């Protein structure tokens, strides 16, 4: 399968009014893609579209709740009506909570799944018939918490685990069918977005994400890369890659580590949310920001992500570095012996014995 360059694509993005979805929309448009943006907040979407158009990009907004029945099909129809086709579809919309599981109501738990899991399923099934026409990319935004749960975010962790299993099953079925659709799961580590402000919070202080945090632009970079390059999974952030890899192999140790790292002190802060940024589990709230209002220490690069996007170049660089190190070691080791050998040869020639 050969995916189109990003500047020849029409990309649909759900959850596009803030955070990762907004960062991906801006980046894709800046790279030349035509973008169709979906979220509940019509005003925030209009602002994004106007900003993209002001910079010469092409964008269209479709205000909707992806959890509503038939919403994804309406989104797909409007995308095709506006731009003629769909080349990439990004399922990013999600909802979250901070609370002990015993304090989460079934209504709240269901809402997290309706948005983050069933909305993603609905989006995937609406996208596939359009992507199969000429080939394309389905990109689902999961989480490192798909592999390793953290305390106090139980519904979100369970939802992201379901997203991972759905994505893997769908990929296998499409491969067996021979469908020209690339299916990628993006697994971000903790990302500095308005997530803590938008999540419903039943803790005793404002919520935050534990360190290390990464810039949302890194996830946007991974999404845009996956739109044009077939990848099974892209982990964003070296810490997240370590969690996804090591935690399943050492589950009991990972439990203890998460109990320490994921306790209430590391998931709360003294910085209150902005007044209009109250939780959006059921109601639309202020949007339009990619980052939180907490100004945490944020990493703006990820060598782990670069290695996954460019494995051949990374292997060559590592191989070259190893070869150079080995050569330097051998030269240091052989240096004195070579000097002695050269001196012995000089003396033999001087004595006329050569």
C-alpha atoms as a PDB file:
ATOM      1  CA  UNK A   1       0.000   0.000   0.000  1.00  0.00           C
ATOM      2  CA  UNK A   2       1.215   3.507  -0.836  1.00  0.00           C
ATOM      3  CA  UNK A   3      -0.328   6.383   1.066  1.00  0.00           C
ATOM      4  CA  UNK A   4      -0.584   9.862  -0.400  1.00  0.00           C
ATOM      5  CA  UNK A   5       1.702  12.709   0.667  1.00  0.00           C
ATOM      6  CA  UNK A   6       0.024  14.836   3.305  1.00  0.00           C
ATOM      7  CA  UNK A   7      -0.337  17.833   0.984  1.00  0.00           C
ATOM      8  CA  UNK A   8      -2.558  15.740  -1.307  1.00  0.00           C
ATOM      9  CA  UNK A   9      -4.872  14.500   1.420  1.00  0.00           C
ATOM     10  CA  UNK A  10      -8.281  15.199   2.906  1.00  0.00           C
ATOM     11  CA  UNK A  11      -8.049  14.463   6.648  1.00  0.00           C
ATOM     12  CA  UNK A  12     -10.975  14.130   9.076  1.00  0.00           C
ATOM     13  CA  UNK A  13     -10.193  14.721  12.767  1.00  0.00           C
ATOM     14  CA  UNK A  14     -12.573  14.223  15.699  1.00  0.00           C
ATOM     15  CA  UNK A  15     -11.939  15.970  19.003  1.00  0.00           C
ATOM     16  CA  UNK A  16     -10.403  18.814  17.008  1.00  0.00           C
ATOM     17  CA  UNK A  17     -11.369  21.797  19.184  1.00  0.00           C
ATOM     18  CA  UNK A  18      -8.549  21.411  21.745  1.00  0.00           C
ATOM     19  CA  UNK A  19      -5.478  19.455  22.765  1.00  0.00           C
ATOM     20  CA  UNK A  20      -4.066  16.802  20.451  1.00  0.00           C
ATOM     21  CA  UNK A  21      -6.866  17.056  17.892  1.00  0.00           C
ATOM     22  CA  UNK A  22      -6.389  20.808  17.549  1.00  0.00           C
ATOM     23  CA  UNK A  23      -2.605  20.471  17.270  1.00  0.00           C
ATOM     24  CA  UNK A  24      -3.016  17.799  14.588  1.00  0.00           C
ATOM     25  CA  UNK A  25      -5.483  19.936  12.642  1.00  0.00           C
ATOM     26  CA  UNK A  26      -3.157  22.930  12.604  1.00  0.00           C
ATOM     27  CA  UNK A  27      -0.126  20.855  11.656  1.00  0.00           C
ATOM     28  CA  UNK A  28      -1.900  18.940   8.874  1.00  0.00           C
ATOM     29  CA  UNK A  29      -3.307  22.164   7.405  1.00  0.00           C
ATOM     30  CA  UNK A  30       0.116  23.825   7.567  1.00  0.00           C
ATOM     31  CA  UNK A  31       1.523  20.857   5.615  1.00  0.00           C
ATOM     32  CA  UNK A  32      -1.078  21.343   2.892  1.00  0.00           C
ATOM     33  CA  UNK A  33      -3.829  18.880   3.837  1.00  0.00           C
ATOM     34  CA  UNK A  34      -7.496  19.789   3.561  1.00  0.00           C
ATOM     35  CA  UNK A  35      -8.918  19.237   7.052  1.00  0.00           C
ATOM     36  CA  UNK A  36     -12.432  18.490   8.266  1.00  0.00           C
ATOM     37  CA  UNK A  37     -12.748  19.160  11.993  1.00  0.00           C
ATOM     38  CA  UNK A  38     -15.361  17.724  14.334  1.00  0.00           C
ATOM     39  CA  UNK A  39     -16.162  18.463  17.991  1.00  0.00           C
ATOM     40  CA  UNK A  40     -19.092  19.633  20.087  1.00  0.00           C
ATOM     41  CA  UNK A  41     -17.951  23.247  20.454  1.00  0.00           C
ATOM     42  CA  UNK A  42     -19.071  24.999  17.274  1.00  0.00           C
ATOM     43  CA  UNK A  43     -17.602  28.366  18.265  1.00  0.00           C
ATOM     44  CA  UNK A  44     -14.141  26.904  18.960  1.00  0.00           C
ATOM     45  CA  UNK A  45     -14.216  25.002  15.664  1.00  0.00           C
ATOM     46  CA  UNK A  46     -15.127  28.153  13.752  1.00  0.00           C
ATOM     47  CA  UNK A  47     -12.154  29.961  15.305  1.00  0.00           C
ATOM     48  CA  UNK A  48      -9.810  27.153  14.249  1.00  0.00           C
ATOM     49  CA  UNK A  49     -11.169  27.072  10.702  1.00  0.00           C
ATOM     50  CA  UNK A  50     -10.865  30.836  10.322  1.00  0.00           C
ATOM     51  CA  UNK A  51      -7.280  30.768  11.601  1.00  0.00           C
ATOM     52  CA  UNK A  52      -6.346  28.001   9.151  1.00  0.00           C
ATOM     53  CA  UNK A  53      -7.953  29.802   6.219  1.00  0.00           C
ATOM     54  CA  UNK A  54      -6.218  33.051   7.182  1.00  0.00           C
ATOM     55  CA  UNK A  55      -2.895  31.250   6.668  1.00  0.00           C
ATOM     56  CA  UNK A  56      -3.906  29.931   3.265  1.00  0.00           C
ATOM     57  CA  UNK A  57      -5.122  26.499   4.364  1.00  0.00           C
ATOM     58  CA  UNK A  58      -8.385  24.713   3.586  1.00  0.00           C
ATOM     59  CA  UNK A  59     -10.623  23.658   6.468  1.00  0.00           C
ATOM     60  CA  UNK A  60     -14.241  22.841   7.209  1.00  0.00           C
ATOM     61  CA  UNK A  61     -15.959  22.311  10.560  1.00  0.00           C
ATOM     62  CA  UNK A  62     -18.748  19.910  11.508  1.00  0.00           C
ATOM     63  CA  UNK A  63     -20.079  20.523  15.040  1.00  0.00           C
ATOM     64  CA  UNK A  64     -21.392  17.295  16.547  1.00  0.00           C
ATOM     65  CA  UNK A  65     -21.148  14.909  19.482  1.00  0.00           C
ATOM     66  CA  UNK A  66     -19.372  11.814  18.164  1.00  0.00           C
ATOM     67  CA  UNK A  67     -21.175   9.755  20.815  1.00  0.00           C
ATOM     68  CA  UNK A  68     -24.549  10.416  19.160  1.00  0.00           C
ATOM     69  CA  UNK A  69     -25.945   7.707  16.927  1.00  0.00           C
ATOM     70  CA  UNK A  70     -25.227   8.387  13.261  1.00  0.00           C
ATOM     71  CA  UNK A  71     -22.866  11.304  14.035  1.00  0.00           C
ATOM     72  CA  UNK A  72     -19.827   9.718  12.361  1.00  0.00           C
ATOM     73  CA  UNK A  73     -21.793   8.898   9.216  1.00  0.00           C
ATOM     74  CA  UNK A  74     -22.966  12.517   8.984  1.00  0.00           C
ATOM     75  CA  UNK A  75     -19.370  13.665   9.428  1.00  0.00           C
ATOM     76  CA  UNK A  76     -18.142  11.376   6.644  1.00  0.00           C
ATOM     77  CA  UNK A  77     -20.911  12.531   4.308  1.00  0.00           C
ATOM     78  CA  UNK A  78     -20.113  16.192   4.899  1.00  0.00           C
ATOM     79  CA  UNK A  79     -16.383  15.622   4.392  1.00  0.00           C
ATOM     80  CA  UNK A  80     -17.004  13.972   1.029  1.00  0.00           C
ATOM     81  CA  UNK A  81     -19.551  16.616   0.049  1.00  0.00           C
ATOM     82  CA  UNK A  82     -17.047  19.364   0.834  1.00  0.00           C
ATOM     83  CA  UNK A  83     -13.788  17.919  -0.529  1.00  0.00           C
ATOM     84  CA  UNK A  84     -14.818  14.897  -2.628  1.00  0.00           C
ATOM     85  CA  UNK A  85     -13.111  12.123  -0.658  1.00  0.00           C
ATOM     86  CA  UNK A  86     -11.433  11.072   2.600  1.00  0.00           C
ATOM     87  CA  UNK A  87      -7.765  10.019   2.659  1.00  0.00           C
ATOM     88  CA  UNK A  88      -7.120   9.889   6.413  1.00  0.00           C
ATOM     89  CA  UNK A  89      -9.463   9.649   9.379  1.00  0.00           C
ATOM     90  CA  UNK A  90      -8.223  10.468  12.887  1.00  0.00           C
ATOM     91  CA  UNK A  91     -10.275   9.308  15.890  1.00  0.00           C
ATOM     92  CA  UNK A  92      -9.140  11.544  18.739  1.00  0.00           C
ATOM     93  CA  UNK A  93     -12.270  12.509  20.698  1.00  0.00           C
ATOM     94  CA  UNK A  94     -12.279  11.297  24.307  1.00  0.00           C
ATOM     95  CA  UNK A  95     -13.672  12.024  27.762  1.00  0.00           C
ATOM     96  CA  UNK A  96     -12.077  11.341  31.133  1.00  0.00           C
ATOM     97  CA  UNK A  97     -12.453  11.318  34.923  1.00  0.00           C
ATOM     98  CA  UNK A  98     -10.319  11.629  38.016  1.00  0.00           C
ATOM     99  CA  UNK A  99     -11.911   9.569  40.794  1.00  0.00           C
ATOM    100  CA  UNK A 100     -11.712   6.357  42.766  1.00  0.00           C
ATOM    101  CA  UNK A 101     -13.684   3.726  40.872  1.00  0.00           C
ATOM    102  CA  UNK A 102     -16.084   3.289  43.777  1.00  0.00           C
ATOM    103  CA  UNK A 103     -17.067   6.937  43.355  1.00  0.00           C
ATOM    104  CA  UNK A 104     -17.756   6.755  39.605  1.00  0.00           C
ATOM    105  CA  UNK A 105     -21.414   6.383  38.665  1.00  0.00           C
ATOM    106  CA  UNK A 106     -22.441   4.013  35.895  1.00  0.00           C
ATOM    107  CA  UNK A 107     -23.714   7.006  33.921  1.00  0.00           C
ATOM    108  CA  UNK A 108     -20.261   8.625  34.110  1.00  0.00           C
ATOM    109  CA  UNK A 109     -18.511   5.379  33.242  1.00  0.00           C
ATOM    110  CA  UNK A 110     -20.779   4.858  30.240  1.00  0.00           C
ATOM    111  CA  UNK A 111     -20.189   8.406  29.031  1.00  0.00           C
ATOM    112  CA  UNK A 112     -16.408   7.895  28.989  1.00  0.00           C
ATOM    113  CA  UNK A 113     -16.954   4.796  26.820  1.00  0.00           C
ATOM    114  CA  UNK A 114     -19.635   6.388  24.620  1.00  0.00           C
ATOM    115  CA  UNK A 115     -17.238   9.149  23.574  1.00  0.00           C
ATOM    116  CA  UNK A 116     -13.817   7.495  23.610  1.00  0.00           C
ATOM    117  CA  UNK A 117     -14.667   3.927  22.561  1.00  0.00           C
ATOM    118  CA  UNK A 118     -18.037   3.787  20.811  1.00  0.00           C
ATOM    119  CA  UNK A 119     -17.398   7.155  19.156  1.00  0.00           C
ATOM    120  CA  UNK A 120     -14.119   5.743  17.823  1.00  0.00           C
ATOM    121  CA  UNK A 121     -15.825   2.543  16.669  1.00  0.00           C
ATOM    122  CA  UNK A 122     -18.541   4.543  14.950  1.00  0.00           C
ATOM    123  CA  UNK A 123     -15.919   6.763  13.315  1.00  0.00           C
ATOM    124  CA  UNK A 124     -13.856   3.803  12.125  1.00  0.00           C
ATOM    125  CA  UNK A 125     -16.855   2.063  10.572  1.00  0.00           C
ATOM    126  CA  UNK A 126     -17.971   5.262   8.840  1.00  0.00           C
ATOM    127  CA  UNK A 127     -14.481   5.902   7.494  1.00  0.00           C
ATOM    128  CA  UNK A 128     -13.680   2.444   6.151  1.00  0.00           C
ATOM    129  CA  UNK A 129     -15.991   2.352   3.097  1.00  0.00           C
ATOM    130  CA  UNK A 130     -14.576   5.713   1.997  1.00  0.00           C
ATOM    131  CA  UNK A 131     -10.948   4.780   2.684  1.00  0.00           C
ATOM    132  CA  UNK A 132     -11.250   1.500   0.796  1.00  0.00           C
ATOM    133  CA  UNK A 133     -12.196   3.290  -2.426  1.00  0.00           C
ATOM    134  CA  UNK A 134      -8.655   4.489  -3.181  1.00  0.00           C
ATOM    135  CA  UNK A 135      -6.686   3.561  -0.068  1.00  0.00           C
ATOM    136  CA  UNK A 136      -6.036   5.590   3.034  1.00  0.00           C
ATOM    137  CA  UNK A 137      -5.118   5.704   6.699  1.00  0.00           C
ATOM    138  CA  UNK A 138      -7.219   5.133   9.802  1.00  0.00           C
ATOM    139  CA  UNK A 139      -5.478   6.600  12.846  1.00  0.00           C
ATOM    140  CA  UNK A 140      -6.792   5.892  16.346  1.00  0.00           C
ATOM    141  CA  UNK A 141      -5.441   7.830  19.302  1.00  0.00           C
ATOM    142  CA  UNK A 142      -5.011   5.447  22.213  1.00  0.00           C
ATOM    143  CA  UNK A 143      -2.737   5.851  25.216  1.00  0.00           C
ATOM    144  CA  UNK A 144       0.135   4.198  27.052  1.00  0.00           C
ATOM    145  CA  UNK A 145      -2.584   3.543  29.634  1.00  0.00           C
ATOM    146  CA  UNK A 146      -3.955   0.992  27.160  1.00  0.00           C
ATOM    147  CA  UNK A 147      -1.219  -1.329  28.463  1.00  0.00           C
ATOM    148  CA  UNK A 148      -0.794  -0.131  32.027  1.00  0.00           C
ATOM    149  CA  UNK A 149      -3.589   1.302  34.172  1.00  0.00           C
ATOM    150  CA  UNK A 150      -2.999   4.121  36.633  1.00  0.00           C
ATOM    151  CA  UNK A 151      -5.010   4.720  39.826  1.00  0.00           C
ATOM    152  CA  UNK A 152      -7.712   7.393  39.884  1.00  0.00           C
ATOM    153  CA  UNK A 153      -8.282   7.264  36.108  1.00  0.00           C
ATOM    154  CA  UNK A 154      -9.901   3.843  35.918  1.00  0.00           C
ATOM    155  CA  UNK A 155     -12.682   4.518  33.366  1.00  0.00           C
ATOM    156  CA  UNK A 156     -10.252   6.219  30.974  1.00  0.00           C
ATOM    157  CA  UNK A 157      -7.722   3.376  31.275  1.00  0.00           C
ATOM    158  CA  UNK A 158     -10.411   0.770  30.631  1.00  0.00           C
ATOM    159  CA  UNK A 159     -11.687   2.715  27.622  1.00  0.00           C
ATOM    160  CA  UNK A 160      -8.206   3.059  26.100  1.00  0.00           C
ATOM    161  CA  UNK A 161      -7.542  -0.667  26.606  1.00  0.00           C
ATOM    162  CA  UNK A 162     -10.721  -1.342  24.633  1.00  0.00           C
ATOM    163  CA  UNK A 163      -9.535   1.072  21.919  1.00  0.00           C
ATOM    164  CA  UNK A 164      -6.267  -0.839  21.576  1.00  0.00           C
ATOM    165  CA  UNK A 165      -7.938  -4.236  21.254  1.00  0.00           C
ATOM    166  CA  UNK A 166     -10.526  -2.949  18.771  1.00  0.00           C
ATOM    167  CA  UNK A 167      -7.784  -1.345  16.657  1.00  0.00           C
ATOM    168  CA  UNK A 168      -5.653  -4.498  16.631  1.00  0.00           C
ATOM    169  CA  UNK A 169      -8.613  -6.715  15.697  1.00  0.00           C
ATOM    170  CA  UNK A 170      -9.708  -4.347  12.930  1.00  0.00           C
ATOM    171  CA  UNK A 171      -6.185  -4.178  11.505  1.00  0.00           C
ATOM    172  CA  UNK A 172      -5.943  -7.982  11.283  1.00  0.00           C
ATOM    173  CA  UNK A 173      -9.324  -8.282   9.596  1.00  0.00           C
ATOM    174  CA  UNK A 174      -8.454  -5.627   7.019  1.00  0.00           C
ATOM    175  CA  UNK A 175      -5.072  -7.237   6.303  1.00  0.00           C
ATOM    176  CA  UNK A 176      -6.732 -10.627   5.818  1.00  0.00           C
ATOM    177  CA  UNK A 177      -9.216  -8.992   3.437  1.00  0.00           C
ATOM    178  CA  UNK A 178      -6.438  -7.253   1.524  1.00  0.00           C
ATOM    179  CA  UNK A 179      -8.052  -3.855   2.051  1.00  0.00           C
ATOM    180  CA  UNK A 180      -5.826  -0.890   1.115  1.00  0.00           C
ATOM    181  CA  UNK A 181      -6.188   0.738   4.536  1.00  0.00           C
ATOM    182  CA  UNK A 182      -3.356   1.422   6.959  1.00  0.00           C
ATOM    183  CA  UNK A 183      -4.450   1.182  10.617  1.00  0.00           C
ATOM    184  CA  UNK A 184      -2.256   2.937  13.182  1.00  0.00           C
ATOM    185  CA  UNK A 185      -2.624   3.182  16.939  1.00  0.00           C
ATOM    186  CA  UNK A 186      -0.985   6.303  18.397  1.00  0.00           C
ATOM    187  CA  UNK A 187      -0.095   5.793  22.071  1.00  0.00           C
ATOM    188  CA  UNK A 188       0.844   9.078  23.741  1.00  0.00           C
ATOM    189  CA  UNK A 189       2.443   9.255  27.170  1.00  0.00           C
ATOM    190  CA  UNK A 190       1.299  12.113  29.439  1.00  0.00           C
ATOM    191  CA  UNK A 191       0.731  15.116  27.160  1.00  0.00           C
ATOM    192  CA  UNK A 192       0.331  18.740  28.225  1.00  0.00           C
ATOM    193  CA  UNK A 193      -3.233  19.467  27.057  1.00  0.00           C
ATOM    194  CA  UNK A 194      -6.397  20.782  28.780  1.00  0.00           C
ATOM    195  CA  UNK A 195      -7.187  17.137  29.640  1.00  0.00           C
ATOM    196  CA  UNK A 196      -6.987  17.712  33.450  1.00  0.00           C
ATOM    197  CA  UNK A 197      -9.302  20.722  33.184  1.00  0.00           C
ATOM    198  CA  UNK A 198     -11.809  18.954  30.927  1.00  0.00           C
ATOM    199  CA  UNK A 199     -11.922  15.722  32.945  1.00  0.00           C
ATOM    200  CA  UNK A 200     -14.575  15.339  35.614  1.00  0.00           C
ATOM    201  CA  UNK A 201     -12.727  15.563  38.929  1.00  0.00           C
ATOM    202  CA  UNK A 202     -13.794  14.008  42.227  1.00  0.00           C
ATOM    203  CA  UNK A 203     -10.429  14.443  43.940  1.00  0.00           C
ATOM    204  CA  UNK A 204      -9.823  16.998  46.695  1.00  0.00           C
ATOM    205  CA  UNK A 205      -7.711  19.328  44.529  1.00  0.00           C
ATOM    206  CA  UNK A 206      -7.397  20.390  40.862  1.00  0.00           C
ATOM    207  CA  UNK A 207      -6.183  17.555  38.649  1.00  0.00           C
ATOM    208  CA  UNK A 208      -2.950  17.275  36.720  1.00  0.00           C
ATOM    209  CA  UNK A 209      -0.935  14.650  34.864  1.00  0.00           C
ATOM    210  CA  UNK A 210       2.193  13.151  36.454  1.00  0.00           C
ATOM    211  CA  UNK A 211       5.609  13.900  34.958  1.00  0.00           C
ATOM    212  CA  UNK A 212       7.180  13.525  32.482  1.00  0.00           C
ATOM    213  CA  UNK A 213       4.897  15.507  30.168  1.00  0.00           C
ATOM    214  CA  UNK A 214       5.325  15.944  26.418  1.00  0.00           C
ATOM    215  CA  UNK A 215       4.198  18.665  24.034  1.00  0.00           C
ATOM    216  CA  UNK A 216       0.989  18.020  22.077  1.00  0.00           C
ATOM    217  CA  UNK A 217       2.900  18.914  18.896  1.00  0.00           C
ATOM    218  CA  UNK A 218       4.758  15.605  19.173  1.00  0.00           C
ATOM    219  CA  UNK A 219       1.495  13.664  18.967  1.00  0.00           C
ATOM    220  CA  UNK A 220       0.390  15.852  16.065  1.00  0.00           C
ATOM    221  CA  UNK A 221       3.677  15.024  14.358  1.00  0.00           C
ATOM    222  CA  UNK A 222       3.067  11.292  14.875  1.00  0.00           C
ATOM    223  CA  UNK A 223      -0.486  11.566  13.511  1.00  0.00           C
ATOM    224  CA  UNK A 224       0.603  13.439  10.379  1.00  0.00           C
ATOM    225  CA  UNK A 225       3.431  10.952   9.825  1.00  0.00           C
ATOM    226  CA  UNK A 226       1.039   7.991  10.125  1.00  0.00           C
ATOM    227  CA  UNK A 227      -1.256   9.562   7.538  1.00  0.00           C
ATOM    228  CA  UNK A 228       1.449   9.107   4.875  1.00  0.00           C
ATOM    229  CA  UNK A 229       3.505   6.209   6.281  1.00  0.00           C
ATOM    230  CA  UNK A 230       2.195   2.807   7.229  1.00  0.00           C
ATOM    231  CA  UNK A 231       2.939   2.067  10.890  1.00  0.00           C
ATOM    232  CA  UNK A 232       1.254  -0.375  13.252  1.00  0.00           C
ATOM    233  CA  UNK A 233       1.883   1.625  16.429  1.00  0.00           C
ATOM    234  CA  UNK A 234       3.635   4.863  17.343  1.00  0.00           C
ATOM    235  CA  UNK A 235       4.449   5.530  20.997  1.00  0.00           C
ATOM    236  CA  UNK A 236       4.936   9.212  21.790  1.00  0.00           C
ATOM    237  CA  UNK A 237       7.465   9.733  24.575  1.00  0.00           C
ATOM    238  CA  UNK A 238      10.272   7.492  25.779  1.00  0.00           C
ATOM    239  CA  UNK A 239       8.664   7.126  29.204  1.00  0.00           C
ATOM    240  CA  UNK A 240       5.458   5.893  27.616  1.00  0.00           C
ATOM    241  CA  UNK A 241       7.345   3.447  25.415  1.00  0.00           C
ATOM    242  CA  UNK A 242       9.028   2.013  28.506  1.00  0.00           C
ATOM    243  CA  UNK A 243       5.672   1.656  30.261  1.00  0.00           C
ATOM    244  CA  UNK A 244       4.081  -0.077  27.272  1.00  0.00           C
ATOM    245  CA  UNK A 245       7.032  -2.457  26.907  1.00  0.00           C
ATOM    246  CA  UNK A 246       8.098  -3.285  30.457  1.00  0.00           C
ATOM    247  CA  UNK A 247       4.929  -3.022  32.527  1.00  0.00           C
ATOM    248  CA  UNK A 248       3.123  -6.043  30.996  1.00  0.00           C
ATOM    249  CA  UNK A 249       6.235  -8.168  31.605  1.00  0.00           C
ATOM    250  CA  UNK A 250       6.514  -7.093  35.259  1.00  0.00           C
ATOM    251  CA  UNK A 251       2.905  -6.580  36.321  1.00  0.00           C
ATOM    252  CA  UNK A 252       3.319  -6.732  40.095  1.00  0.00           C
ATOM    253  CA  UNK A 253       6.296  -4.382  40.092  1.00  0.00           C
ATOM    254  CA  UNK A 254       4.369  -2.075  37.749  1.00  0.00           C
ATOM    255  CA  UNK A 255       1.424  -2.116  40.188  1.00  0.00           C
ATOM    256  CA  UNK A 256       3.645  -0.896  42.996  1.00  0.00           C
ATOM    257  CA  UNK A 257       5.307   1.728  40.811  1.00  0.00           C
ATOM    258  CA  UNK A 258       1.946   3.085  39.647  1.00  0.00           C
ATOM    259  CA  UNK A 259       0.637   3.170  43.213  1.00  0.00           C
ATOM    260  CA  UNK A 260       3.524   5.516  44.010  1.00  0.00           C
ATOM    261  CA  UNK A 261       3.644   7.523  40.774  1.00  0.00           C
ATOM    262  CA  UNK A 262      -0.123   7.578  40.324  1.00  0.00           C
ATOM    263  CA  UNK A 263      -1.131   8.549  43.827  1.00  0.00           C
ATOM    264  CA  UNK A 264      -3.265  11.593  44.506  1.00  0.00           C
ATOM    265  CA  UNK A 265      -0.284  13.895  45.316  1.00  0.00           C
ATOM    266  CA  UNK A 266       1.214  13.361  41.842  1.00  0.00           C
ATOM    267  CA  UNK A 267      -2.147  13.780  40.095  1.00  0.00           C
ATOM    268  CA  UNK A 268      -3.269  16.975  41.812  1.00  0.00           C
ATOM    269  CA  UNK A 269      -2.033  20.560  41.818  1.00  0.00           C
ATOM    270  CA  UNK A 270      -2.689  23.912  43.458  1.00  0.00           C
ATOM    271  CA  UNK A 271      -3.330  25.540  40.057  1.00  0.00           C
ATOM    272  CA  UNK A 272      -7.106  25.820  39.517  1.00  0.00           C
ATOM    273  CA  UNK A 273      -8.661  25.370  36.076  1.00  0.00           C
ATOM    274  CA  UNK A 274      -9.630  28.460  34.146  1.00  0.00           C
ATOM    275  CA  UNK A 275     -13.197  29.429  35.120  1.00  0.00           C
ATOM    276  CA  UNK A 276     -14.730  28.450  31.763  1.00  0.00           C
ATOM    277  CA  UNK A 277     -12.764  25.196  31.537  1.00  0.00           C
ATOM    278  CA  UNK A 278     -14.907  23.115  33.883  1.00  0.00           C
ATOM    279  CA  UNK A 279     -15.339  19.443  33.068  1.00  0.00           C
ATOM    280  CA  UNK A 280     -16.883  18.682  29.696  1.00  0.00           C
ATOM    281  CA  UNK A 281     -18.015  15.123  30.342  1.00  0.00           C
ATOM    282  CA  UNK A 282     -21.617  15.941  29.483  1.00  0.00           C
ATOM    283  CA  UNK A 283     -21.590  19.677  28.704  1.00  0.00           C
ATOM    284  CA  UNK A 284     -19.687  21.738  26.143  1.00  0.00           C
ATOM    285  CA  UNK A 285     -17.043  23.951  27.744  1.00  0.00           C
ATOM    286  CA  UNK A 286     -14.508  26.508  26.553  1.00  0.00           C
ATOM    287  CA  UNK A 287     -12.029  25.100  24.042  1.00  0.00           C
ATOM    288  CA  UNK A 288      -9.387  26.346  21.660  1.00  0.00           C
ATOM    289  CA  UNK A 289      -6.155  25.566  23.530  1.00  0.00           C
ATOM    290  CA  UNK A 290      -3.625  22.817  22.872  1.00  0.00           C
ATOM    291  CA  UNK A 291      -1.921  23.142  26.294  1.00  0.00           C
ATOM    292  CA  UNK A 292      -3.124  23.215  29.878  1.00  0.00           C
ATOM    293  CA  UNK A 293      -3.080  26.355  32.025  1.00  0.00           C
ATOM    294  CA  UNK A 294      -0.602  24.767  34.450  1.00  0.00           C
ATOM    295  CA  UNK A 295       2.639  25.564  32.573  1.00  0.00           C
ATOM    296  CA  UNK A 296       4.414  22.333  33.538  1.00  0.00           C
ATOM    297  CA  UNK A 297       7.892  21.309  32.453  1.00  0.00           C
ATOM    298  CA  UNK A 298       7.179  19.923  28.979  1.00  0.00           C
ATOM    299  CA  UNK A 299       9.440  17.927  26.703  1.00  0.00           C
ATOM    300  CA  UNK A 300       9.385  19.144  23.115  1.00  0.00           C
ATOM    301  CA  UNK A 301      11.295  16.283  21.515  1.00  0.00           C
ATOM    302  CA  UNK A 302      11.201  12.493  21.667  1.00  0.00           C
ATOM    303  CA  UNK A 303      14.077  10.396  20.383  1.00  0.00           C
ATOM    304  CA  UNK A 304      11.906   7.314  20.876  1.00  0.00           C
ATOM    305  CA  UNK A 305       9.296   8.690  18.480  1.00  0.00           C
ATOM    306  CA  UNK A 306      11.929   9.632  15.889  1.00  0.00           C
ATOM    307  CA  UNK A 307      13.363   6.107  16.089  1.00  0.00           C
ATOM    308  CA  UNK A 308       9.929   4.590  15.428  1.00  0.00           C
ATOM    309  CA  UNK A 309       9.227   6.899  12.505  1.00  0.00           C
ATOM    310  CA  UNK A 310      12.665   6.405  10.925  1.00  0.00           C
ATOM    311  CA  UNK A 311      13.914   2.943  11.994  1.00  0.00           C
ATOM    312  CA  UNK A 312      16.330   2.437   9.091  1.00  0.00           C
ATOM    313  CA  UNK A 313      18.065   5.768   9.609  1.00  0.00           C
ATOM    314  CA  UNK A 314      18.145   5.172  13.340  1.00  0.00           C
ATOM    315  CA  UNK A 315      19.672   1.727  12.886  1.00  0.00           C
ATOM    316  CA  UNK A 316      22.277   3.173  10.516  1.00  0.00           C
ATOM    317  CA  UNK A 317      23.172   5.923  12.970  1.00  0.00           C
ATOM    318  CA  UNK A 318      23.405   3.476  15.843  1.00  0.00           C
ATOM    319  CA  UNK A 319      25.436   1.079  13.717  1.00  0.00           C
ATOM    320  CA  UNK A 320      27.781   3.869  12.692  1.00  0.00           C
ATOM    321  CA  UNK A 321      28.181   5.011  16.278  1.00  0.00           C
ATOM    322  CA  UNK A 322      28.929   1.464  17.434  1.00  0.00           C
ATOM    323  CA  UNK A 323      31.409   0.948  14.597  1.00  0.00           C
ATOM    324  CA  UNK A 324      33.129   4.244  15.347  1.00  0.00           C
ATOM    325  CA  UNK A 325      33.347   3.414  19.033  1.00  0.00           C
ATOM    326  CA  UNK A 326      34.710  -0.043  18.268  1.00  0.00           C
ATOM    327  CA  UNK A 327      37.267   1.400  15.853  1.00  0.00           C
ATOM    328  CA  UNK A 328      38.422   3.971  18.384  1.00  0.00           C
ATOM    329  CA  UNK A 329      38.746   1.273  21.013  1.00  0.00           C
ATOM    330  CA  UNK A 330      40.799  -0.952  18.697  1.00  0.00           C
ATOM    331  CA  UNK A 331      43.080   1.936  17.737  1.00  0.00           C
ATOM    332  CA  UNK A 332      43.694   2.802  21.355  1.00  0.00           C
ATOM    333  CA  UNK A 333      44.374  -0.828  22.122  1.00  0.00           C
ATOM    334  CA  UNK A 334      46.664  -1.358  19.111  1.00  0.00           C
ATOM    335  CA  UNK A 335      48.455   1.997  19.253  1.00  0.00           C
ATOM    336  CA  UNK A 336      51.448   1.183  21.511  1.00  0.00           C
ATOM    337  CA  UNK A 337      52.003  -2.168  19.790  1.00  0.00           C
ATOM    338  CA  UNK A 338      52.032  -0.505  16.366  1.00  0.00           C
ATOM    339  CA  UNK A 339      54.608   2.052  17.514  1.00  0.00           C
ATOM    340  CA  UNK A 340      56.829  -0.722  18.815  1.00  0.00           C
ATOM    341  CA  UNK A 341      56.494  -2.656  15.584  1.00  0.00           C
ATOM    342  CA  UNK A 342      57.398   0.367  13.482  1.00  0.00           C
ATOM    343  CA  UNK A 343      60.473   1.063  15.638  1.00  0.00           C
ATOM    344  CA  UNK A 344      61.646  -2.550  15.330  1.00  0.00           C
ATOM    345  CA  UNK A 345      61.297  -2.397  11.562  1.00  0.00           C
ATOM    346  CA  UNK A 346      63.300   0.847  11.456  1.00  0.00           C
ATOM    347  CA  UNK A 347      66.156  -0.724  13.385  1.00  0.00           C
ATOM    348  CA  UNK A 348      66.197  -3.807  11.145  1.00  0.00           C
ATOM    349  CA  UNK A 349      66.444  -1.611   8.045  1.00  0.00           C
ATOM    350  CA  UNK A 350      69.182   0.507   9.640  1.00  0.00           C
ATOM    351  CA  UNK A 351      71.228  -2.581  10.365  1.00  0.00           C
ATOM    352  CA  UNK A 352      70.914  -3.696   6.743  1.00  0.00           C
ATOM    353  CA  UNK A 353      69.075  -6.856   7.717  1.00  0.00           C
ATOM    354  CA  UNK A 354      65.929  -6.225   5.700  1.00  0.00           C
END
